């Protein structure tokens, strides 16, 4: 990582937060999701270094770096940590941000919390099963929800239909 990359990530994150942040209540639960608890050593064995940094340490991948950014097939996007389904492909759209974006999550499969890491309140969301960090939720998405789930691609796997 170099200084230009870090400054660019901070700028994009700050601009996105200013343009569309809001605190959100957790998604309504459609089903009960049993928690998955693993030790740090088990997570490190299970995940790639990049996935570990995002899912367990709440890092952010470089914008435009995810192969899932251009995934257009029908299917389901699942948590890379535990395979819980998080988004259906018909809710994915091109937000122009450089990260895979969705306008609706599968109800009950994410949990949210307020994040102040950049000095501004943002809504961060995690997998409801393993607690893996996925991304941030903004109010600048398309209809019908007006939401943008801005996801780290490395935190997801795609399962074709």
N, C-alpha and C. Protein backbone atom coordinates (compact mmCIF):
# COMPACT_ATOMS: atom_id res chain seq x y z
N UNK A 1 0.84 -1.17 0.00
CA UNK A 1 0.00 0.00 0.00
C UNK A 1 0.89 1.24 0.00
N UNK A 2 0.51 2.24 -0.80
CA UNK A 2 1.26 3.47 -0.80
C UNK A 2 0.38 4.63 -0.35
N UNK A 3 0.99 5.77 -0.17
CA UNK A 3 0.27 6.94 0.34
C UNK A 3 -0.87 7.35 -0.60
N UNK A 4 -0.66 7.30 -1.91
CA UNK A 4 -1.71 7.68 -2.88
C UNK A 4 -2.93 6.78 -2.72
N UNK A 5 -2.71 5.48 -2.58
CA UNK A 5 -3.81 4.52 -2.39
C UNK A 5 -4.58 4.84 -1.11
N UNK A 6 -3.86 5.06 -0.01
CA UNK A 6 -4.51 5.34 1.27
C UNK A 6 -5.31 6.64 1.19
N UNK A 7 -4.71 7.68 0.63
CA UNK A 7 -5.42 8.95 0.51
C UNK A 7 -6.63 8.84 -0.40
N UNK A 8 -6.51 8.07 -1.47
CA UNK A 8 -7.65 7.89 -2.37
C UNK A 8 -8.78 7.13 -1.68
N UNK A 9 -8.45 6.11 -0.88
CA UNK A 9 -9.49 5.38 -0.14
C UNK A 9 -10.18 6.28 0.87
N UNK A 10 -9.38 7.09 1.57
CA UNK A 10 -9.96 8.01 2.57
C UNK A 10 -10.87 9.01 1.88
N UNK A 11 -10.43 9.55 0.74
CA UNK A 11 -11.25 10.54 0.02
C UNK A 11 -12.56 9.94 -0.47
N UNK A 12 -12.48 8.77 -1.09
CA UNK A 12 -13.70 8.12 -1.59
C UNK A 12 -14.64 7.81 -0.43
N UNK A 13 -14.10 7.27 0.65
CA UNK A 13 -14.93 6.91 1.80
C UNK A 13 -15.56 8.14 2.42
N UNK A 14 -14.79 9.22 2.58
CA UNK A 14 -15.33 10.45 3.18
C UNK A 14 -16.40 11.05 2.30
N UNK A 15 -16.16 11.11 0.99
CA UNK A 15 -17.16 11.66 0.07
C UNK A 15 -18.44 10.84 0.08
N UNK A 16 -18.29 9.52 0.08
CA UNK A 16 -19.48 8.66 0.11
C UNK A 16 -20.25 8.86 1.40
N UNK A 17 -19.52 9.01 2.51
CA UNK A 17 -20.19 9.20 3.80
C UNK A 17 -20.95 10.52 3.82
N UNK A 18 -20.33 11.59 3.29
CA UNK A 18 -20.98 12.89 3.28
C UNK A 18 -22.21 12.87 2.39
N UNK A 19 -22.13 12.19 1.26
CA UNK A 19 -23.24 12.17 0.32
C UNK A 19 -24.38 11.26 0.71
N UNK A 20 -24.14 10.25 1.54
CA UNK A 20 -25.25 9.34 1.78
C UNK A 20 -25.12 8.44 2.99
N UNK A 21 -24.91 8.97 4.16
CA UNK A 21 -24.85 8.08 5.31
C UNK A 21 -26.09 8.24 6.18
N UNK A 22 -26.46 7.15 6.83
CA UNK A 22 -27.53 7.20 7.82
C UNK A 22 -27.45 5.96 8.66
N UNK A 23 -27.83 6.08 9.89
CA UNK A 23 -27.86 4.92 10.77
C UNK A 23 -29.09 4.10 10.44
N UNK A 24 -28.93 2.81 10.39
CA UNK A 24 -30.03 1.92 10.03
C UNK A 24 -30.24 0.90 11.12
N UNK A 25 -31.48 0.53 11.31
CA UNK A 25 -31.78 -0.59 12.19
C UNK A 25 -31.42 -1.87 11.46
N UNK A 26 -31.14 -2.96 12.18
CA UNK A 26 -30.85 -4.22 11.50
C UNK A 26 -32.02 -4.64 10.63
N UNK A 27 -31.71 -5.37 9.56
CA UNK A 27 -32.75 -5.89 8.68
C UNK A 27 -33.73 -6.75 9.48
N UNK A 28 -34.99 -6.70 9.09
CA UNK A 28 -35.99 -7.54 9.74
C UNK A 28 -35.63 -9.00 9.52
N UNK A 29 -35.77 -9.79 10.54
CA UNK A 29 -35.36 -11.18 10.46
C UNK A 29 -36.42 -12.05 9.80
N UNK A 30 -36.04 -12.71 8.72
CA UNK A 30 -36.94 -13.63 8.04
C UNK A 30 -36.74 -15.04 8.58
N UNK A 31 -35.59 -15.30 9.16
CA UNK A 31 -35.29 -16.61 9.74
C UNK A 31 -34.24 -16.43 10.82
N UNK A 32 -34.12 -17.39 11.69
CA UNK A 32 -33.10 -17.33 12.72
C UNK A 32 -31.79 -17.85 12.13
N UNK A 33 -30.74 -17.08 12.30
CA UNK A 33 -29.42 -17.46 11.80
C UNK A 33 -28.58 -17.83 13.01
N UNK A 34 -28.10 -19.06 13.05
CA UNK A 34 -27.26 -19.52 14.15
C UNK A 34 -25.86 -18.96 13.99
N UNK A 35 -25.30 -18.37 15.06
CA UNK A 35 -23.96 -17.79 14.96
C UNK A 35 -22.87 -18.84 14.76
N UNK A 36 -21.84 -18.44 14.04
CA UNK A 36 -20.66 -19.28 13.83
C UNK A 36 -19.51 -18.60 14.55
N UNK A 37 -18.94 -19.26 15.52
CA UNK A 37 -17.82 -18.72 16.31
C UNK A 37 -16.58 -19.57 16.05
N UNK A 38 -15.54 -18.94 15.54
CA UNK A 38 -14.27 -19.61 15.30
C UNK A 38 -13.16 -18.80 15.97
N UNK A 39 -12.07 -19.46 16.30
CA UNK A 39 -10.92 -18.76 16.85
C UNK A 39 -10.24 -17.96 15.74
N UNK A 40 -9.39 -17.02 16.15
CA UNK A 40 -8.65 -16.24 15.17
C UNK A 40 -7.79 -17.15 14.29
N UNK A 41 -7.17 -18.15 14.88
CA UNK A 41 -6.34 -19.09 14.12
C UNK A 41 -7.18 -19.84 13.08
N UNK A 42 -8.40 -20.24 13.47
CA UNK A 42 -9.28 -20.94 12.52
C UNK A 42 -9.68 -20.02 11.37
N UNK A 43 -9.98 -18.74 11.66
CA UNK A 43 -10.31 -17.79 10.59
C UNK A 43 -9.12 -17.61 9.66
N UNK A 44 -7.93 -17.52 10.21
CA UNK A 44 -6.74 -17.33 9.36
C UNK A 44 -6.51 -18.53 8.44
N UNK A 45 -6.80 -19.74 8.93
CA UNK A 45 -6.66 -20.93 8.08
C UNK A 45 -7.73 -20.97 7.01
N UNK A 46 -8.92 -20.52 7.33
CA UNK A 46 -10.08 -20.62 6.44
C UNK A 46 -10.06 -19.58 5.32
N UNK A 47 -9.52 -18.40 5.60
CA UNK A 47 -9.63 -17.27 4.67
C UNK A 47 -8.30 -16.90 4.04
N UNK A 48 -8.37 -16.31 2.84
CA UNK A 48 -7.17 -15.73 2.23
C UNK A 48 -6.76 -14.52 3.07
N UNK A 49 -5.51 -14.06 2.96
CA UNK A 49 -5.09 -12.88 3.74
C UNK A 49 -5.98 -11.66 3.47
N UNK A 50 -6.35 -11.42 2.20
CA UNK A 50 -7.21 -10.27 1.88
C UNK A 50 -8.60 -10.42 2.50
N UNK A 51 -9.17 -11.61 2.39
CA UNK A 51 -10.50 -11.85 2.97
C UNK A 51 -10.44 -11.73 4.49
N UNK A 52 -9.38 -12.22 5.10
CA UNK A 52 -9.22 -12.11 6.55
C UNK A 52 -9.19 -10.63 6.96
N UNK A 53 -8.41 -9.83 6.26
CA UNK A 53 -8.30 -8.41 6.59
C UNK A 53 -9.64 -7.69 6.51
N UNK A 54 -10.45 -8.01 5.53
CA UNK A 54 -11.76 -7.37 5.38
C UNK A 54 -12.77 -7.96 6.37
N UNK A 55 -12.94 -9.28 6.34
CA UNK A 55 -13.98 -9.91 7.15
C UNK A 55 -13.72 -9.84 8.66
N UNK A 56 -12.49 -10.00 9.09
CA UNK A 56 -12.19 -10.07 10.52
C UNK A 56 -11.63 -8.76 11.08
N UNK A 57 -10.91 -7.97 10.25
CA UNK A 57 -10.29 -6.74 10.74
C UNK A 57 -10.98 -5.48 10.24
N UNK A 58 -12.06 -5.64 9.48
CA UNK A 58 -12.87 -4.55 8.95
C UNK A 58 -12.10 -3.61 8.04
N UNK A 59 -11.17 -4.16 7.25
CA UNK A 59 -10.45 -3.38 6.26
C UNK A 59 -11.37 -3.15 5.05
N UNK A 60 -10.89 -2.36 4.11
CA UNK A 60 -11.63 -2.11 2.86
C UNK A 60 -10.71 -2.44 1.70
N UNK A 61 -11.25 -3.20 0.74
CA UNK A 61 -10.43 -3.51 -0.43
C UNK A 61 -10.34 -2.29 -1.35
N UNK A 62 -9.34 -2.30 -2.21
CA UNK A 62 -9.12 -1.21 -3.15
C UNK A 62 -10.29 -1.12 -4.12
N UNK A 63 -10.83 0.07 -4.37
CA UNK A 63 -11.94 0.19 -5.32
C UNK A 63 -11.54 -0.31 -6.70
N UNK A 64 -12.48 -0.98 -7.36
CA UNK A 64 -12.25 -1.50 -8.70
C UNK A 64 -11.46 -2.79 -8.76
N UNK A 65 -11.10 -3.36 -7.62
CA UNK A 65 -10.23 -4.53 -7.61
C UNK A 65 -10.99 -5.86 -7.60
N UNK A 66 -12.28 -5.84 -7.33
CA UNK A 66 -13.03 -7.10 -7.18
C UNK A 66 -13.51 -7.65 -8.51
N UNK A 67 -13.28 -8.95 -8.71
CA UNK A 67 -13.81 -9.61 -9.91
C UNK A 67 -15.33 -9.67 -9.87
N UNK A 68 -15.92 -9.56 -8.69
CA UNK A 68 -17.38 -9.59 -8.56
C UNK A 68 -18.03 -8.28 -8.98
N UNK A 69 -17.25 -7.25 -9.16
CA UNK A 69 -17.78 -5.96 -9.58
C UNK A 69 -18.54 -6.10 -10.91
N UNK A 70 -18.06 -6.96 -11.79
CA UNK A 70 -18.66 -7.12 -13.12
C UNK A 70 -19.46 -8.41 -13.26
N UNK A 71 -19.74 -9.08 -12.16
CA UNK A 71 -20.53 -10.33 -12.21
C UNK A 71 -21.98 -9.98 -12.53
N UNK A 72 -22.50 -10.57 -13.64
CA UNK A 72 -23.86 -10.27 -14.07
C UNK A 72 -24.75 -11.50 -14.21
N UNK A 73 -24.22 -12.68 -13.88
CA UNK A 73 -25.04 -13.88 -13.99
C UNK A 73 -26.08 -13.94 -12.88
N UNK A 74 -27.11 -14.76 -13.10
CA UNK A 74 -28.12 -15.01 -12.07
C UNK A 74 -27.50 -15.91 -11.01
N UNK A 75 -27.83 -15.64 -9.75
CA UNK A 75 -27.32 -16.45 -8.67
C UNK A 75 -27.42 -15.73 -7.34
N UNK A 76 -26.58 -16.15 -6.40
CA UNK A 76 -26.61 -15.62 -5.04
C UNK A 76 -25.20 -15.25 -4.61
N UNK A 77 -25.09 -14.12 -3.94
CA UNK A 77 -23.84 -13.67 -3.36
C UNK A 77 -23.87 -14.08 -1.89
N UNK A 78 -22.87 -14.86 -1.47
CA UNK A 78 -22.82 -15.40 -0.11
C UNK A 78 -21.58 -14.88 0.61
N UNK A 79 -21.63 -14.91 1.93
CA UNK A 79 -20.50 -14.49 2.75
C UNK A 79 -19.31 -15.42 2.47
N UNK A 80 -18.14 -14.82 2.22
CA UNK A 80 -16.94 -15.60 1.96
C UNK A 80 -16.43 -16.30 3.22
N UNK A 81 -16.93 -15.90 4.38
CA UNK A 81 -16.49 -16.51 5.62
C UNK A 81 -17.29 -17.73 6.02
N UNK A 82 -18.60 -17.74 5.70
CA UNK A 82 -19.45 -18.84 6.20
C UNK A 82 -20.51 -19.32 5.21
N UNK A 83 -20.55 -18.76 4.03
CA UNK A 83 -21.48 -19.16 2.97
C UNK A 83 -22.94 -18.79 3.22
N UNK A 84 -23.24 -17.90 4.17
CA UNK A 84 -24.62 -17.45 4.35
C UNK A 84 -25.00 -16.57 3.17
N UNK A 85 -26.15 -16.82 2.58
CA UNK A 85 -26.60 -16.00 1.44
C UNK A 85 -26.93 -14.60 1.94
N UNK A 86 -26.38 -13.58 1.24
CA UNK A 86 -26.57 -12.19 1.65
C UNK A 86 -27.36 -11.37 0.63
N UNK A 87 -27.12 -11.63 -0.67
CA UNK A 87 -27.77 -10.84 -1.71
C UNK A 87 -28.15 -11.74 -2.89
N UNK A 88 -29.30 -11.46 -3.49
CA UNK A 88 -29.69 -12.11 -4.74
C UNK A 88 -29.15 -11.27 -5.89
N UNK A 89 -28.79 -11.92 -6.98
CA UNK A 89 -28.19 -11.21 -8.11
C UNK A 89 -29.12 -10.16 -8.71
N UNK A 90 -30.43 -10.33 -8.58
CA UNK A 90 -31.34 -9.35 -9.17
C UNK A 90 -31.38 -8.04 -8.38
N UNK A 91 -30.66 -7.95 -7.24
CA UNK A 91 -30.59 -6.70 -6.48
C UNK A 91 -29.24 -6.00 -6.66
N UNK A 92 -28.36 -6.56 -7.50
CA UNK A 92 -27.05 -5.97 -7.75
C UNK A 92 -27.19 -4.90 -8.83
N UNK A 93 -26.42 -3.83 -8.68
CA UNK A 93 -26.42 -2.78 -9.71
C UNK A 93 -25.05 -2.10 -9.73
N UNK A 94 -24.80 -1.35 -10.79
CA UNK A 94 -23.53 -0.63 -10.93
C UNK A 94 -23.70 0.74 -10.30
N UNK A 95 -23.10 0.93 -9.13
CA UNK A 95 -23.22 2.20 -8.41
C UNK A 95 -22.16 3.21 -8.87
N UNK A 96 -21.17 2.74 -9.64
CA UNK A 96 -20.10 3.63 -10.07
C UNK A 96 -19.08 3.92 -8.99
N UNK A 97 -19.14 3.21 -7.87
CA UNK A 97 -18.23 3.47 -6.75
C UNK A 97 -16.96 2.64 -6.80
N UNK A 98 -16.96 1.55 -7.56
CA UNK A 98 -15.80 0.66 -7.60
C UNK A 98 -15.94 -0.55 -6.70
N UNK A 99 -17.09 -0.70 -6.04
CA UNK A 99 -17.36 -1.86 -5.21
C UNK A 99 -18.69 -2.48 -5.63
N UNK A 100 -18.84 -3.80 -5.52
CA UNK A 100 -20.14 -4.42 -5.82
C UNK A 100 -21.21 -3.78 -4.92
N UNK A 101 -22.33 -3.42 -5.52
CA UNK A 101 -23.39 -2.74 -4.77
C UNK A 101 -24.73 -3.42 -4.99
N UNK A 102 -25.56 -3.37 -3.97
CA UNK A 102 -26.87 -4.02 -3.98
C UNK A 102 -27.89 -3.07 -3.37
N UNK A 103 -29.14 -3.15 -3.82
CA UNK A 103 -30.18 -2.28 -3.26
C UNK A 103 -31.02 -2.97 -2.19
N UNK A 104 -30.80 -4.27 -1.97
CA UNK A 104 -31.54 -4.98 -0.94
C UNK A 104 -30.75 -6.21 -0.51
N UNK A 105 -30.69 -6.42 0.81
CA UNK A 105 -30.06 -7.62 1.36
C UNK A 105 -31.14 -8.66 1.64
N UNK A 106 -30.73 -9.91 1.78
CA UNK A 106 -31.67 -10.96 2.17
C UNK A 106 -32.05 -10.70 3.63
N UNK A 107 -33.34 -10.51 3.92
CA UNK A 107 -33.77 -10.16 5.27
C UNK A 107 -33.26 -11.12 6.34
N UNK A 108 -32.74 -10.52 7.42
CA UNK A 108 -32.25 -11.29 8.56
C UNK A 108 -30.83 -11.81 8.41
N UNK A 109 -30.20 -11.58 7.26
CA UNK A 109 -28.88 -12.15 7.02
C UNK A 109 -27.74 -11.15 7.23
N UNK A 110 -28.07 -9.90 7.56
CA UNK A 110 -27.04 -8.93 7.91
C UNK A 110 -27.42 -8.25 9.22
N UNK A 111 -26.40 -7.72 9.88
CA UNK A 111 -26.58 -6.91 11.08
C UNK A 111 -25.81 -5.62 10.86
N UNK A 112 -26.31 -4.53 11.42
CA UNK A 112 -25.67 -3.24 11.24
C UNK A 112 -25.20 -2.66 12.56
N UNK A 113 -24.25 -1.74 12.44
CA UNK A 113 -23.80 -0.97 13.59
C UNK A 113 -23.26 0.36 13.07
N UNK A 114 -23.20 1.35 13.95
CA UNK A 114 -22.66 2.64 13.55
C UNK A 114 -21.15 2.61 13.66
N UNK A 115 -20.50 3.13 12.64
CA UNK A 115 -19.04 3.14 12.52
C UNK A 115 -18.59 4.60 12.47
N UNK A 116 -17.61 4.97 13.32
CA UNK A 116 -17.07 6.33 13.36
C UNK A 116 -15.59 6.37 12.96
N UNK A 117 -15.10 5.33 12.26
CA UNK A 117 -13.67 5.20 11.98
C UNK A 117 -13.08 6.38 11.22
N UNK A 118 -13.87 7.05 10.39
CA UNK A 118 -13.34 8.19 9.63
C UNK A 118 -13.81 9.52 10.22
N UNK A 119 -14.38 9.48 11.42
CA UNK A 119 -14.81 10.70 12.08
C UNK A 119 -16.23 11.12 11.74
N UNK A 120 -16.89 10.37 10.89
CA UNK A 120 -18.27 10.64 10.49
C UNK A 120 -19.06 9.36 10.73
N UNK A 121 -20.28 9.50 11.20
CA UNK A 121 -21.11 8.30 11.43
C UNK A 121 -21.48 7.65 10.10
N UNK A 122 -21.22 6.36 10.01
CA UNK A 122 -21.63 5.56 8.84
C UNK A 122 -22.27 4.29 9.37
N UNK A 123 -23.09 3.66 8.54
CA UNK A 123 -23.69 2.39 8.92
C UNK A 123 -22.87 1.27 8.29
N UNK A 124 -22.26 0.47 9.14
CA UNK A 124 -21.46 -0.67 8.73
C UNK A 124 -22.33 -1.91 8.83
N UNK A 125 -22.17 -2.85 7.92
CA UNK A 125 -22.94 -4.08 8.05
C UNK A 125 -22.06 -5.31 7.98
N UNK A 126 -22.55 -6.35 8.68
CA UNK A 126 -21.82 -7.60 8.87
C UNK A 126 -22.74 -8.78 8.58
N UNK A 127 -22.13 -9.92 8.28
CA UNK A 127 -22.86 -11.17 8.12
C UNK A 127 -23.48 -11.54 9.47
N UNK A 128 -24.77 -11.90 9.45
CA UNK A 128 -25.47 -12.25 10.69
C UNK A 128 -24.98 -13.56 11.30
N UNK A 129 -24.36 -14.44 10.50
CA UNK A 129 -23.89 -15.72 11.03
C UNK A 129 -22.50 -15.62 11.63
N UNK A 130 -21.53 -15.14 10.86
CA UNK A 130 -20.14 -15.17 11.33
C UNK A 130 -19.64 -13.81 11.80
N UNK A 131 -20.43 -12.76 11.60
CA UNK A 131 -20.01 -11.43 12.03
C UNK A 131 -19.00 -10.79 11.09
N UNK A 132 -18.73 -11.42 9.95
CA UNK A 132 -17.75 -10.90 9.00
C UNK A 132 -18.17 -9.55 8.42
N UNK A 133 -17.24 -8.60 8.45
CA UNK A 133 -17.47 -7.26 7.89
C UNK A 133 -17.68 -7.37 6.38
N UNK A 134 -18.77 -6.77 5.90
CA UNK A 134 -19.07 -6.78 4.47
C UNK A 134 -18.84 -5.42 3.82
N UNK A 135 -19.35 -4.36 4.44
CA UNK A 135 -19.22 -3.03 3.85
C UNK A 135 -20.04 -2.02 4.61
N UNK A 136 -20.52 -1.00 3.88
CA UNK A 136 -21.30 0.08 4.47
C UNK A 136 -22.60 0.28 3.71
N UNK A 137 -23.59 0.78 4.42
CA UNK A 137 -24.94 0.99 3.88
C UNK A 137 -25.20 2.49 3.78
N UNK A 138 -25.66 2.91 2.59
CA UNK A 138 -25.93 4.32 2.34
C UNK A 138 -27.35 4.49 1.78
N UNK A 139 -27.84 5.72 1.88
CA UNK A 139 -29.19 6.04 1.41
C UNK A 139 -29.19 6.69 0.03
N UNK A 140 -28.28 6.31 -0.84
CA UNK A 140 -28.22 6.91 -2.18
C UNK A 140 -28.38 5.87 -3.28
N UNK A 141 -29.07 4.79 -2.98
CA UNK A 141 -29.27 3.71 -3.95
C UNK A 141 -30.51 3.92 -4.80
N UNK A 142 -30.75 3.01 -5.72
CA UNK A 142 -31.90 3.12 -6.62
C UNK A 142 -33.20 2.67 -5.96
N UNK A 143 -34.28 2.93 -6.64
CA UNK A 143 -35.59 2.43 -6.22
C UNK A 143 -35.59 0.93 -6.38
N UNK A 144 -36.35 0.20 -5.65
CA UNK A 144 -37.43 0.67 -4.79
C UNK A 144 -36.99 1.00 -3.36
N UNK A 145 -35.78 0.65 -2.93
CA UNK A 145 -35.40 0.85 -1.52
C UNK A 145 -34.67 2.16 -1.28
N UNK A 146 -33.96 2.67 -2.28
CA UNK A 146 -33.12 3.84 -2.08
C UNK A 146 -31.84 3.54 -1.30
N UNK A 147 -31.56 2.26 -1.08
CA UNK A 147 -30.38 1.84 -0.30
C UNK A 147 -29.25 1.42 -1.23
N UNK A 148 -28.02 1.58 -0.74
CA UNK A 148 -26.83 1.06 -1.43
C UNK A 148 -26.01 0.30 -0.41
N UNK A 149 -26.01 -1.02 -0.55
CA UNK A 149 -25.13 -1.87 0.24
C UNK A 149 -23.83 -1.92 -0.55
N UNK A 150 -22.85 -1.19 -0.10
CA UNK A 150 -21.56 -1.08 -0.78
C UNK A 150 -20.64 -2.15 -0.18
N UNK A 151 -20.42 -3.22 -0.92
CA UNK A 151 -19.79 -4.42 -0.38
C UNK A 151 -18.36 -4.60 -0.87
N UNK A 152 -17.51 -5.10 0.01
CA UNK A 152 -16.17 -5.54 -0.40
C UNK A 152 -16.34 -6.85 -1.16
N UNK A 153 -15.86 -6.91 -2.39
CA UNK A 153 -15.99 -8.12 -3.18
C UNK A 153 -15.29 -9.32 -2.55
N UNK A 154 -14.16 -9.10 -1.89
CA UNK A 154 -13.41 -10.20 -1.28
C UNK A 154 -14.18 -10.81 -0.10
N UNK A 155 -15.19 -10.12 0.40
CA UNK A 155 -16.00 -10.63 1.50
C UNK A 155 -17.15 -11.50 1.00
N UNK A 156 -17.27 -11.62 -0.33
CA UNK A 156 -18.35 -12.39 -0.94
C UNK A 156 -17.84 -13.51 -1.82
N UNK A 157 -18.67 -14.50 -2.04
CA UNK A 157 -18.49 -15.51 -3.07
C UNK A 157 -19.77 -15.50 -3.89
N UNK A 158 -19.66 -15.81 -5.16
CA UNK A 158 -20.84 -15.87 -6.03
C UNK A 158 -21.18 -17.32 -6.33
N UNK A 159 -22.45 -17.68 -6.14
CA UNK A 159 -22.94 -19.02 -6.45
C UNK A 159 -23.92 -18.88 -7.62
N UNK A 160 -23.53 -19.32 -8.83
CA UNK A 160 -24.44 -19.20 -9.97
C UNK A 160 -25.70 -20.02 -9.78
N UNK A 161 -26.80 -19.54 -10.37
CA UNK A 161 -28.08 -20.26 -10.28
C UNK A 161 -28.05 -21.51 -11.13
